[in-house]
Structure formats: structure tokens, C-alpha cells
N, C-alpha and C. Protein backbone atom coordinates (compact mmCIF):
# COMPACT_ATOMS: atom_id res chain seq x y z
N UNK A 1 6.14 0.39 11.63
CA UNK A 1 6.25 1.07 9.70
C UNK A 1 8.06 0.64 9.49
N UNK A 2 8.22 0.95 10.31
CA UNK A 2 9.50 1.27 9.65
C UNK A 2 9.75 -0.70 9.79
N UNK A 3 9.53 -1.16 11.16
CA UNK A 3 10.05 -2.77 10.73
C UNK A 3 9.22 -3.60 9.62
N UNK A 4 8.07 -3.22 8.65
CA UNK A 4 7.38 -3.02 7.37
C UNK A 4 8.93 -3.58 6.72
N UNK A 5 9.14 -1.65 6.81
CA UNK A 5 10.43 -1.24 5.73
C UNK A 5 11.87 -2.28 5.24
N UNK A 6 12.37 -2.00 6.59
CA UNK A 6 13.31 -3.09 6.93
C UNK A 6 13.33 -4.29 6.07
N UNK A 7 12.16 -4.46 6.39
CA UNK A 7 12.29 -6.26 6.31
C UNK A 7 11.20 -6.26 4.12
N UNK A 8 10.85 -5.54 4.28
CA UNK A 8 10.95 -5.42 2.65
C UNK A 8 12.28 -4.94 2.13
N UNK A 9 13.21 -4.10 2.35
CA UNK A 9 14.54 -3.80 1.87
C UNK A 9 15.16 -4.89 1.65
N UNK A 10 14.65 -5.67 3.20
CA UNK A 10 16.00 -7.70 3.11
C UNK A 10 15.49 -7.88 2.35
N UNK A 11 14.21 -8.15 2.03
CA UNK A 11 13.72 -9.10 0.83
C UNK A 11 13.95 -8.71 -0.43
N UNK A 12 13.49 -7.18 -0.48
CA UNK A 12 14.27 -6.74 -1.99
C UNK A 12 15.55 -6.71 -2.15
N UNK A 13 16.42 -6.81 -1.07
CA UNK A 13 17.82 -6.94 -1.53
C UNK A 13 18.52 -8.48 -1.96
N UNK A 14 18.12 -9.18 -0.99
CA UNK A 14 17.92 -11.02 -0.85
C UNK A 14 17.24 -11.39 -1.94
N UNK A 15 16.76 -11.30 -2.18
CA UNK A 15 16.20 -12.20 -2.70
C UNK A 15 15.76 -11.42 -4.33
N UNK A 16 16.82 -10.31 -5.15
CA UNK A 16 16.56 -9.92 -6.19
C UNK A 16 16.38 -10.87 -7.34
N UNK A 17 17.80 -11.40 -7.19
CA UNK A 17 18.25 -12.39 -8.85
C UNK A 17 17.41 -13.61 -8.16
N UNK A 18 16.53 -13.85 -7.77
CA UNK A 18 15.55 -14.51 -8.18
C UNK A 18 14.23 -14.39 -9.01
N UNK A 19 13.82 -13.70 -8.87
CA UNK A 19 13.11 -12.58 -9.31
C UNK A 19 11.86 -11.83 -8.58
N UNK A 20 11.48 -12.03 -7.04
CA UNK A 20 10.89 -11.86 -6.11
C UNK A 20 11.41 -9.90 -5.50
N UNK A 21 10.33 -10.03 -5.44
CA UNK A 21 10.07 -7.88 -5.08
C UNK A 21 9.23 -7.85 -3.72
N UNK A 22 10.17 -6.52 -3.24
CA UNK A 22 8.99 -6.98 -1.96
C UNK A 22 8.45 -5.54 -1.66
N UNK A 23 7.53 -4.77 -1.72
CA UNK A 23 7.16 -3.71 -1.75
C UNK A 23 5.88 -3.06 -0.09
N UNK A 24 6.59 -1.84 1.05
CA UNK A 24 4.47 -1.81 1.15
C UNK A 24 3.70 -0.96 0.86
N UNK A 25 2.99 -1.57 1.04
CA UNK A 25 1.48 -0.05 0.60
C UNK A 25 1.39 0.31 2.41
N UNK A 26 1.34 2.27 2.47
CA UNK A 26 1.41 2.09 3.18
C UNK A 26 0.22 3.04 2.96
N UNK A 27 -0.53 2.47 3.82
CA UNK A 27 -3.12 3.42 3.27
C UNK A 27 -2.82 4.20 4.68
N UNK A 28 -4.09 5.68 3.62
CA UNK A 28 -4.54 6.52 5.05
C UNK A 28 -5.41 5.56 5.35
N UNK A 29 -6.57 6.11 6.25
CA UNK A 29 -7.72 5.92 6.83
C UNK A 29 -8.28 5.85 5.31
N UNK A 30 -9.31 4.70 6.41
CA UNK A 30 -10.15 3.26 4.82
C UNK A 30 -11.49 4.46 4.51
N UNK A 31 -11.77 4.68 4.07
CA UNK A 31 -13.44 4.38 3.63
C UNK A 31 -14.21 3.07 4.28
N UNK A 32 -14.99 2.17 5.33
CA UNK A 32 -14.91 0.91 5.59
C UNK A 32 -16.73 1.19 6.03
N UNK A 33 -17.45 0.81 6.08
CA UNK A 33 -18.55 0.80 6.99
C UNK A 33 -17.74 1.05 8.30
N UNK A 34 -17.36 -0.13 8.93
CA UNK A 34 -16.85 0.22 10.22
C UNK A 34 -16.35 1.58 10.78
N UNK A 35 -15.89 2.28 10.17
CA UNK A 35 -15.00 3.17 10.06
C UNK A 35 -16.16 4.55 9.91
N UNK A 36 -17.22 4.30 9.05
CA UNK A 36 -18.15 5.11 8.72
C UNK A 36 -19.45 5.42 9.69
N UNK A 37 -18.83 4.04 10.76
CA UNK A 37 -19.66 4.16 11.90
C UNK A 37 -19.28 4.54 13.11
N UNK A 38 -18.31 4.17 13.08
CA UNK A 38 -17.17 4.49 14.76
C UNK A 38 -17.33 6.71 14.11
N UNK A 39 -17.64 6.90 12.68
CA UNK A 39 -16.32 8.74 12.88
C UNK A 39 -18.20 9.00 11.97
N UNK A 40 -18.79 8.88 12.32
CA UNK A 40 -20.15 9.53 11.42
C UNK A 40 -19.49 11.10 10.95
N UNK A 41 -19.18 11.99 11.19
CA UNK A 41 -18.61 13.26 11.46
C UNK A 41 -17.31 13.48 10.41
N UNK A 42 -16.94 12.53 9.99
CA UNK A 42 -15.56 12.70 9.10
C UNK A 42 -16.46 12.54 7.80
N UNK A 43 -15.13 13.02 7.29
CA UNK A 43 -15.34 13.50 6.07
C UNK A 43 -14.63 12.40 5.20
N UNK A 44 -15.06 11.45 4.54
CA UNK A 44 -15.24 10.62 3.72
C UNK A 44 -14.73 11.07 2.20
N UNK A 45 -14.81 12.03 2.13
CA UNK A 45 -14.34 11.99 0.56
C UNK A 45 -12.58 11.91 0.69
N UNK A 46 -12.36 12.37 1.71
CA UNK A 46 -10.72 12.13 1.51
C UNK A 46 -10.44 11.15 1.85
N UNK A 47 -10.83 9.97 2.20
CA UNK A 47 -11.09 9.08 2.83
C UNK A 47 -10.27 7.87 1.79
N UNK A 48 -9.42 6.95 1.44
CA UNK A 48 -8.83 5.76 0.56
C UNK A 48 -10.62 4.98 0.64
N UNK A 49 -10.30 4.63 -0.57
CA UNK A 49 -11.15 2.87 -0.38
C UNK A 49 -9.85 1.98 -1.04
N UNK A 50 -11.21 0.50 -0.43
CA UNK A 50 -10.05 -0.94 -0.44
C UNK A 50 -10.02 -0.49 -1.67
N UNK A 51 -10.79 0.20 -2.27
CA UNK A 51 -10.93 -0.53 -4.03
C UNK A 51 -9.31 0.62 -4.75
N UNK A 52 -10.16 1.22 -4.30
CA UNK A 52 -7.95 2.11 -4.11
C UNK A 52 -6.70 0.84 -4.08
N UNK A 53 -6.61 1.01 -2.65
CA UNK A 53 -6.27 0.28 -2.62
C UNK A 53 -5.65 -1.01 -3.29
N UNK A 54 -6.53 -1.90 -3.07
CA UNK A 54 -6.70 -3.09 -3.89
C UNK A 54 -5.89 -2.63 -5.68
N UNK A 55 -6.26 -1.88 -6.54
CA UNK A 55 -5.48 -0.92 -7.74
C UNK A 55 -4.38 -1.39 -7.81
N UNK A 56 -3.17 -0.24 -6.32
CA UNK A 56 -2.83 0.33 -6.28
C UNK A 56 -1.10 -2.17 -5.75
N UNK A 57 -1.98 -2.63 -4.99
CA UNK A 57 -1.76 -3.54 -5.03
C UNK A 57 -1.51 -4.56 -6.34
N UNK A 58 -2.73 -4.65 -6.28
CA UNK A 58 -2.50 -5.02 -8.49
C UNK A 58 -1.92 -5.07 -8.86
N UNK A 59 -1.11 -3.49 -9.04
CA UNK A 59 -0.12 -2.78 -10.16
C UNK A 59 0.91 -3.55 -9.63
N UNK A 60 1.44 -3.47 -8.38
CA UNK A 60 2.59 -4.51 -8.03
C UNK A 60 2.43 -5.62 -8.10
N UNK A 61 1.42 -5.90 -7.97
CA UNK A 61 2.20 -7.65 -8.52
C UNK A 61 1.72 -8.00 -9.83
N UNK A 62 1.74 -7.62 -10.81
CA UNK A 62 1.98 -6.80 -12.22
C UNK A 62 3.79 -6.35 -12.22
N UNK A 63 3.19 -7.24 -14.04
CA UNK A 63 5.61 -7.71 -14.34
C UNK A 63 5.28 -6.54 -14.60
N UNK A 64 4.12 -4.88 -15.06
CA UNK A 64 4.32 -3.39 -14.83
C UNK A 64 5.20 -2.72 -14.15
N UNK A 65 5.38 -3.29 -12.98
CA UNK A 65 5.79 -2.76 -11.78
C UNK A 65 7.38 -3.24 -11.72
N UNK A 66 8.01 -4.19 -12.33
CA UNK A 66 8.53 -4.56 -12.31
C UNK A 66 10.05 -3.65 -11.32
N UNK A 67 10.02 -2.93 -12.42
CA UNK A 67 11.40 -1.74 -11.67
C UNK A 67 11.24 -1.41 -9.90
N UNK A 68 9.96 -1.64 -9.45
CA UNK A 68 9.86 -1.09 -8.23
C UNK A 68 9.66 -2.38 -7.43
N UNK A 69 11.16 -2.06 -6.04
CA UNK A 69 11.09 -3.33 -5.36
C UNK A 69 11.67 -2.50 -4.34
N UNK A 70 11.53 -2.79 -3.00
CA UNK A 70 12.20 -2.78 -1.30
C UNK A 70 11.10 -1.23 -1.33
N UNK A 71 10.23 -1.00 -2.23
CA UNK A 71 9.72 0.77 -1.63
C UNK A 71 8.21 0.96 -0.06
N UNK A 72 7.95 2.14 -0.37
CA UNK A 72 7.04 2.18 0.47
C UNK A 72 6.38 3.41 -0.10
N UNK A 73 4.97 2.63 -0.88
CA UNK A 73 3.71 3.41 -1.35
C UNK A 73 2.69 4.40 -0.96
N UNK A 74 3.32 5.30 -1.00
CA UNK A 74 1.99 5.72 0.35
C UNK A 74 0.56 5.94 -0.30
N UNK A 75 -1.02 5.24 0.21
CA UNK A 75 -1.93 5.51 -0.99
C UNK A 75 -3.02 5.90 0.65
N UNK A 76 -3.60 7.65 0.48
CA UNK A 76 -3.75 8.51 0.93
C UNK A 76 -4.78 8.94 0.78
N UNK A 77 -5.11 8.77 -0.19
CA UNK A 77 -6.75 9.35 -0.46
C UNK A 77 -6.38 10.97 -1.47
N UNK A 78 -7.61 11.16 -1.26
CA UNK A 78 -7.30 13.18 -2.09
C UNK A 78 -6.18 14.05 -1.07
N UNK A 79 -5.92 15.02 -1.38
CA UNK A 79 -5.63 15.82 -0.75
C UNK A 79 -5.87 16.82 -0.27
């Protein structure tokens, strides 16, 4: 995790003038069929769906997230 953060920080600083942004998405436990099969007794209501993670990534790739650069974004699902 710290390696990805350092990489994102370096990229965001070195390439900001070219309009390149770098952020790190930190997903929590993801609700997938494989995880459900491995952990049948888990509380899946608290897990993050792949679609929720994808929405964060799509937002970060959009012009609306232009001010966000070099950030770690946790996507942990419900608390």
C-alpha cells in the first residue's frame, strides 16, 4: 500500500504540468462470487460491490475529479 501511495505521489508531482493525475483506490473486501463461496458466513451487506469500486474509478477518470491528485481513496463499503 505504501509503495502505491509513493508511486501516485511521485507521478502526480512530476506530471501535473502535463495534466496527468495519479490516485490510488483502496478497496475493502469485495463482494464477489468467489469471496461468497470462500466465506459463506460473512456479512456481505458490509462488503463493497465491484460496481461501487468501478463508480469511484469512473469518477476519478472524469473531468469532475480534476482537483484530486496524489490521493488515496478508501472504498470500504458500509460502516
